[in-house]
Amino acid sequence: MKTKLICLILLIAPTLSYSKTVSDFINEHPDLANQPVVKSAIQQGAIGNAAMDAMSNGSGSETLSSDTQNLLKEKGYEYAITAIRDLSVSACGEGGMADVYGFKEKDCQIIQKIDSEIE
């Protein structure tokens, strides 16, 4: 019986999908390792985008938090990409609001570098 169970697990395990998270995105970009202000802005942007999606999908006040968390678990990496793009354009672009986010020039350089590497 144990052998059948182990075989079944080995057959099913490769088919399970692994969803990448906001943390995965941050960890894949070593330039972010020592940039707490930028990391925080990416995380906040990802959470905000997931919350907007949850509301667009019909979440109410009672389920918004849990629905947002579920979306972040499922598509957190994608939300992080959107957040970095938003920051690159709105905060670090020409006439941007870098000072509102508390970004220094180096922060914007990192954001724009990462954004340019994303397909």
N, C-alpha and C. Protein backbone atom coordinates (compact mmCIF):
# COMPACT_ATOMS: atom_id res chain seq x y z
N MET A 1 0.82 -1.19 0.00
CA MET A 1 0.00 0.00 0.00
C MET A 1 0.87 1.26 0.00
N LYS A 2 1.93 1.25 0.82
CA LYS A 2 2.83 2.41 0.87
C LYS A 2 3.49 2.66 -0.49
N THR A 3 3.86 1.59 -1.15
CA THR A 3 4.52 1.71 -2.45
C THR A 3 3.59 2.36 -3.47
N LYS A 4 2.31 1.98 -3.46
CA LYS A 4 1.34 2.58 -4.37
C LYS A 4 1.17 4.07 -4.08
N LEU A 5 1.11 4.41 -2.82
CA LEU A 5 0.96 5.80 -2.44
C LEU A 5 2.16 6.63 -2.87
N ILE A 6 3.34 6.11 -2.66
CA ILE A 6 4.56 6.82 -3.06
C ILE A 6 4.60 6.99 -4.58
N CYS A 7 4.23 5.95 -5.31
CA CYS A 7 4.21 6.04 -6.78
C CYS A 7 3.20 7.09 -7.23
N LEU A 8 2.05 7.10 -6.59
CA LEU A 8 1.02 8.08 -6.93
C LEU A 8 1.53 9.50 -6.68
N ILE A 9 2.17 9.72 -5.57
CA ILE A 9 2.72 11.04 -5.24
C ILE A 9 3.77 11.45 -6.26
N LEU A 10 4.63 10.51 -6.64
CA LEU A 10 5.67 10.81 -7.62
C LEU A 10 5.10 11.13 -8.99
N LEU A 11 3.97 10.54 -9.31
CA LEU A 11 3.33 10.82 -10.60
C LEU A 11 2.61 12.17 -10.59
N ILE A 12 2.00 12.51 -9.47
CA ILE A 12 1.22 13.74 -9.37
C ILE A 12 2.10 14.95 -9.12
N ALA A 13 3.13 14.82 -8.33
CA ALA A 13 3.96 15.95 -7.92
C ALA A 13 4.46 16.80 -9.08
N PRO A 14 4.96 16.23 -10.16
CA PRO A 14 5.45 17.09 -11.26
C PRO A 14 4.35 17.90 -11.94
N THR A 15 3.10 17.44 -11.82
CA THR A 15 2.02 18.16 -12.49
C THR A 15 1.49 19.32 -11.67
N LEU A 16 1.85 19.36 -10.40
CA LEU A 16 1.40 20.47 -9.57
C LEU A 16 2.14 21.73 -9.98
N SER A 17 1.40 22.80 -10.10
CA SER A 17 2.04 24.04 -10.52
C SER A 17 2.54 24.81 -9.31
N TYR A 18 3.63 25.48 -9.52
CA TYR A 18 4.22 26.30 -8.48
C TYR A 18 4.01 27.75 -8.87
N SER A 19 3.33 28.47 -8.02
CA SER A 19 3.08 29.88 -8.29
C SER A 19 4.19 30.71 -7.67
N LYS A 20 4.72 31.61 -8.46
CA LYS A 20 5.79 32.46 -7.96
C LYS A 20 5.19 33.67 -7.24
N THR A 21 5.88 34.10 -6.21
CA THR A 21 5.37 35.15 -5.33
C THR A 21 6.13 36.46 -5.52
N VAL A 22 5.67 37.47 -4.80
CA VAL A 22 6.37 38.75 -4.78
C VAL A 22 7.78 38.55 -4.23
N SER A 23 7.91 37.72 -3.21
CA SER A 23 9.23 37.43 -2.64
C SER A 23 10.15 36.77 -3.66
N ASP A 24 9.60 35.90 -4.49
CA ASP A 24 10.40 35.27 -5.54
C ASP A 24 10.94 36.34 -6.49
N PHE A 25 10.09 37.28 -6.86
CA PHE A 25 10.53 38.36 -7.75
C PHE A 25 11.67 39.14 -7.12
N ILE A 26 11.50 39.52 -5.86
CA ILE A 26 12.52 40.30 -5.17
C ILE A 26 13.82 39.49 -5.04
N ASN A 27 13.70 38.22 -4.71
CA ASN A 27 14.89 37.38 -4.56
C ASN A 27 15.62 37.15 -5.88
N GLU A 28 14.90 37.18 -6.99
CA GLU A 28 15.52 36.99 -8.30
C GLU A 28 16.27 38.23 -8.78
N HIS A 29 16.11 39.32 -8.09
CA HIS A 29 16.77 40.57 -8.48
C HIS A 29 17.66 41.04 -7.32
N PRO A 30 18.91 40.59 -7.32
CA PRO A 30 19.83 40.86 -6.21
C PRO A 30 20.02 42.36 -5.94
N ASP A 31 19.80 43.20 -6.95
CA ASP A 31 19.94 44.64 -6.73
C ASP A 31 18.97 45.15 -5.67
N LEU A 32 17.90 44.41 -5.44
CA LEU A 32 16.90 44.83 -4.46
C LEU A 32 17.25 44.43 -3.03
N ALA A 33 18.25 43.57 -2.88
CA ALA A 33 18.58 43.00 -1.56
C ALA A 33 18.81 44.06 -0.49
N ASN A 34 19.49 45.13 -0.85
CA ASN A 34 19.81 46.17 0.14
C ASN A 34 19.05 47.47 -0.10
N GLN A 35 17.87 47.34 -0.66
CA GLN A 35 17.06 48.52 -0.97
C GLN A 35 15.69 48.40 -0.30
N PRO A 36 15.62 48.59 1.02
CA PRO A 36 14.34 48.38 1.72
C PRO A 36 13.22 49.30 1.25
N VAL A 37 13.55 50.51 0.84
CA VAL A 37 12.51 51.44 0.38
C VAL A 37 11.90 50.93 -0.92
N VAL A 38 12.73 50.47 -1.82
CA VAL A 38 12.25 49.95 -3.10
C VAL A 38 11.48 48.65 -2.90
N LYS A 39 12.01 47.76 -2.07
CA LYS A 39 11.31 46.49 -1.79
C LYS A 39 9.93 46.76 -1.22
N SER A 40 9.85 47.68 -0.29
CA SER A 40 8.57 48.02 0.32
C SER A 40 7.59 48.58 -0.70
N ALA A 41 8.09 49.44 -1.59
CA ALA A 41 7.22 50.02 -2.62
C ALA A 41 6.70 48.94 -3.57
N ILE A 42 7.54 47.97 -3.91
CA ILE A 42 7.11 46.87 -4.77
C ILE A 42 6.04 46.03 -4.07
N GLN A 43 6.28 45.73 -2.80
CA GLN A 43 5.32 44.94 -2.04
C GLN A 43 3.98 45.68 -1.91
N GLN A 44 4.04 46.97 -1.61
CA GLN A 44 2.81 47.76 -1.48
C GLN A 44 2.07 47.84 -2.81
N GLY A 45 2.82 48.03 -3.89
CA GLY A 45 2.19 48.08 -5.20
C GLY A 45 1.53 46.77 -5.57
N ALA A 46 2.21 45.67 -5.29
CA ALA A 46 1.66 44.35 -5.60
C ALA A 46 0.39 44.10 -4.79
N ILE A 47 0.41 44.45 -3.52
CA ILE A 47 -0.78 44.27 -2.68
C ILE A 47 -1.93 45.13 -3.20
N GLY A 48 -1.63 46.37 -3.55
CA GLY A 48 -2.67 47.26 -4.07
C GLY A 48 -3.27 46.74 -5.37
N ASN A 49 -2.43 46.24 -6.26
CA ASN A 49 -2.93 45.70 -7.53
C ASN A 49 -3.77 44.45 -7.31
N ALA A 50 -3.34 43.59 -6.39
CA ALA A 50 -4.11 42.38 -6.09
C ALA A 50 -5.45 42.75 -5.46
N ALA A 51 -5.47 43.75 -4.59
CA ALA A 51 -6.72 44.19 -3.97
C ALA A 51 -7.68 44.76 -5.02
N MET A 52 -7.14 45.52 -5.97
CA MET A 52 -8.00 46.05 -7.04
C MET A 52 -8.59 44.91 -7.87
N ASP A 53 -7.79 43.89 -8.16
CA ASP A 53 -8.30 42.74 -8.89
C ASP A 53 -9.36 42.01 -8.09
N ALA A 54 -9.12 41.85 -6.80
CA ALA A 54 -10.11 41.17 -5.96
C ALA A 54 -11.43 41.93 -5.96
N MET A 55 -11.36 43.24 -5.86
CA MET A 55 -12.59 44.05 -5.89
C MET A 55 -13.27 43.94 -7.26
N SER A 56 -12.47 43.95 -8.31
CA SER A 56 -13.03 43.82 -9.66
C SER A 56 -13.70 42.46 -9.85
N ASN A 57 -13.21 41.47 -9.12
CA ASN A 57 -13.78 40.12 -9.19
C ASN A 57 -14.97 39.94 -8.25
N GLY A 58 -15.39 41.02 -7.59
CA GLY A 58 -16.59 40.95 -6.76
C GLY A 58 -16.35 40.77 -5.28
N SER A 59 -15.14 40.89 -4.81
CA SER A 59 -14.89 40.77 -3.37
C SER A 59 -15.55 41.91 -2.62
N GLY A 60 -16.14 41.56 -1.52
CA GLY A 60 -16.73 42.56 -0.65
C GLY A 60 -15.82 42.82 0.54
N SER A 61 -16.27 43.65 1.43
CA SER A 61 -15.44 44.02 2.59
C SER A 61 -15.11 42.82 3.47
N GLU A 62 -15.99 41.82 3.48
CA GLU A 62 -15.76 40.65 4.33
C GLU A 62 -14.70 39.72 3.77
N THR A 63 -14.55 39.69 2.46
CA THR A 63 -13.62 38.72 1.85
C THR A 63 -12.43 39.37 1.16
N LEU A 64 -12.38 40.69 1.15
CA LEU A 64 -11.33 41.39 0.40
C LEU A 64 -9.93 40.98 0.84
N SER A 65 -9.69 40.92 2.12
CA SER A 65 -8.36 40.58 2.62
C SER A 65 -7.95 39.17 2.21
N SER A 66 -8.81 38.21 2.41
CA SER A 66 -8.46 36.83 2.07
C SER A 66 -8.37 36.64 0.56
N ASP A 67 -9.24 37.30 -0.20
CA ASP A 67 -9.18 37.19 -1.65
C ASP A 67 -7.89 37.82 -2.18
N THR A 68 -7.49 38.93 -1.59
CA THR A 68 -6.23 39.58 -1.98
C THR A 68 -5.06 38.65 -1.70
N GLN A 69 -5.04 38.04 -0.53
CA GLN A 69 -3.96 37.12 -0.18
C GLN A 69 -3.91 35.93 -1.13
N ASN A 70 -5.08 35.41 -1.50
CA ASN A 70 -5.12 34.29 -2.44
C ASN A 70 -4.57 34.69 -3.80
N LEU A 71 -4.94 35.87 -4.27
CA LEU A 71 -4.41 36.35 -5.55
C LEU A 71 -2.89 36.53 -5.48
N LEU A 72 -2.40 37.04 -4.36
CA LEU A 72 -0.95 37.20 -4.21
C LEU A 72 -0.24 35.86 -4.21
N LYS A 73 -0.85 34.84 -3.64
CA LYS A 73 -0.26 33.50 -3.65
C LYS A 73 -0.26 32.94 -5.07
N GLU A 74 -1.32 33.20 -5.81
CA GLU A 74 -1.46 32.65 -7.16
C GLU A 74 -0.64 33.41 -8.19
N LYS A 75 -0.62 34.75 -8.08
CA LYS A 75 -0.02 35.57 -9.13
C LYS A 75 0.85 36.69 -8.58
N GLY A 76 1.46 36.47 -7.44
CA GLY A 76 2.26 37.51 -6.80
C GLY A 76 3.40 38.02 -7.66
N TYR A 77 4.05 37.12 -8.38
CA TYR A 77 5.16 37.50 -9.24
C TYR A 77 4.70 38.49 -10.31
N GLU A 78 3.54 38.21 -10.89
CA GLU A 78 2.98 39.10 -11.92
C GLU A 78 2.61 40.46 -11.33
N TYR A 79 2.09 40.45 -10.12
CA TYR A 79 1.77 41.72 -9.46
C TYR A 79 3.04 42.52 -9.17
N ALA A 80 4.12 41.83 -8.84
CA ALA A 80 5.40 42.51 -8.60
C ALA A 80 5.92 43.14 -9.89
N ILE A 81 5.77 42.44 -11.00
CA ILE A 81 6.18 43.00 -12.29
C ILE A 81 5.39 44.26 -12.59
N THR A 82 4.09 44.20 -12.36
CA THR A 82 3.25 45.37 -12.58
C THR A 82 3.67 46.52 -11.67
N ALA A 83 3.99 46.19 -10.43
CA ALA A 83 4.40 47.23 -9.48
C ALA A 83 5.70 47.89 -9.92
N ILE A 84 6.67 47.11 -10.37
CA ILE A 84 7.95 47.70 -10.78
C ILE A 84 7.74 48.57 -12.01
N ARG A 85 6.87 48.15 -12.91
CA ARG A 85 6.58 48.96 -14.10
C ARG A 85 5.90 50.28 -13.70
N ASP A 86 4.94 50.18 -12.78
CA ASP A 86 4.26 51.39 -12.30
C ASP A 86 5.25 52.36 -11.66
N LEU A 87 6.16 51.83 -10.85
CA LEU A 87 7.16 52.67 -10.20
C LEU A 87 8.10 53.29 -11.21
N SER A 88 8.48 52.51 -12.20
CA SER A 88 9.40 53.01 -13.22
C SER A 88 8.80 54.20 -13.96
N VAL A 89 7.51 54.11 -14.26
CA VAL A 89 6.85 55.16 -15.02
C VAL A 89 6.41 56.33 -14.13
N SER A 90 5.66 56.02 -13.07
CA SER A 90 5.05 57.10 -12.28
C SER A 90 6.01 57.76 -11.30
N ALA A 91 6.93 56.99 -10.75
CA ALA A 91 7.84 57.57 -9.77
C ALA A 91 9.16 58.01 -10.38
N CYS A 92 9.68 57.20 -11.28
CA CYS A 92 11.03 57.44 -11.78
C CYS A 92 11.08 57.95 -13.21
N GLY A 93 9.93 58.02 -13.85
CA GLY A 93 9.91 58.54 -15.21
C GLY A 93 10.09 60.05 -15.21
N GLU A 94 10.15 60.60 -16.41
CA GLU A 94 10.31 62.05 -16.55
C GLU A 94 9.15 62.75 -15.85
N GLY A 95 9.49 63.67 -14.97
CA GLY A 95 8.46 64.39 -14.21
C GLY A 95 7.81 63.52 -13.14
N GLY A 96 8.46 62.43 -12.79
CA GLY A 96 7.91 61.48 -11.83
C GLY A 96 7.90 62.02 -10.41
N MET A 97 7.38 61.20 -9.54
CA MET A 97 7.21 61.59 -8.14
C MET A 97 8.14 60.80 -7.22
N ALA A 98 9.40 60.68 -7.58
CA ALA A 98 10.35 59.90 -6.79
C ALA A 98 10.41 60.38 -5.35
N ASP A 99 10.35 61.68 -5.16
CA ASP A 99 10.45 62.21 -3.80
C ASP A 99 9.24 61.83 -2.95
N VAL A 100 8.09 61.65 -3.55
CA VAL A 100 6.90 61.22 -2.81
C VAL A 100 7.10 59.81 -2.26
N TYR A 101 7.76 58.97 -3.04
CA TYR A 101 8.03 57.59 -2.63
C TYR A 101 9.26 57.51 -1.71
N GLY A 102 9.99 58.59 -1.61
CA GLY A 102 11.21 58.58 -0.81
C GLY A 102 12.38 57.97 -1.55
N PHE A 103 12.31 57.94 -2.89
CA PHE A 103 13.39 57.35 -3.68
C PHE A 103 14.50 58.35 -3.91
N LYS A 104 15.70 57.83 -3.88
CA LYS A 104 16.87 58.59 -4.28
C LYS A 104 17.17 58.22 -5.73
N GLU A 105 18.11 58.92 -6.33
CA GLU A 105 18.44 58.66 -7.72
C GLU A 105 18.86 57.20 -7.94
N LYS A 106 19.64 56.67 -6.99
CA LYS A 106 20.09 55.27 -7.11
C LYS A 106 18.90 54.31 -7.09
N ASP A 107 17.89 54.60 -6.29
CA ASP A 107 16.70 53.75 -6.24
C ASP A 107 16.03 53.69 -7.61
N CYS A 108 15.88 54.86 -8.22
CA CYS A 108 15.24 54.91 -9.54
C CYS A 108 16.09 54.20 -10.60
N GLN A 109 17.38 54.31 -10.48
CA GLN A 109 18.25 53.60 -11.43
C GLN A 109 18.03 52.09 -11.33
N ILE A 110 17.91 51.59 -10.12
CA ILE A 110 17.68 50.16 -9.91
C ILE A 110 16.31 49.76 -10.46
N ILE A 111 15.30 50.55 -10.14
CA ILE A 111 13.94 50.26 -10.62
C ILE A 111 13.91 50.23 -12.14
N GLN A 112 14.49 51.22 -12.77
CA GLN A 112 14.46 51.29 -14.23
C GLN A 112 15.30 50.18 -14.87
N LYS A 113 16.38 49.81 -14.22
CA LYS A 113 17.20 48.69 -14.72
C LYS A 113 16.40 47.38 -14.70
N ILE A 114 15.76 47.12 -13.58
CA ILE A 114 14.96 45.89 -13.46
C ILE A 114 13.79 45.92 -14.44
N ASP A 115 13.14 47.06 -14.54
CA ASP A 115 12.02 47.18 -15.48
C ASP A 115 12.48 46.92 -16.91
N SER A 116 13.64 47.38 -17.28
CA SER A 116 14.14 47.19 -18.65
C SER A 116 14.50 45.73 -18.93
N GLU A 117 14.77 44.96 -17.88
CA GLU A 117 15.12 43.55 -18.05
C GLU A 117 13.90 42.65 -18.19
N ILE A 118 12.74 43.16 -17.84
CA ILE A 118 11.51 42.37 -17.89
C ILE A 118 10.96 42.40 -19.31
N GLU A 119 10.58 41.24 -19.79
CA GLU A 119 10.05 41.14 -21.16
C GLU A 119 8.63 41.60 -21.22
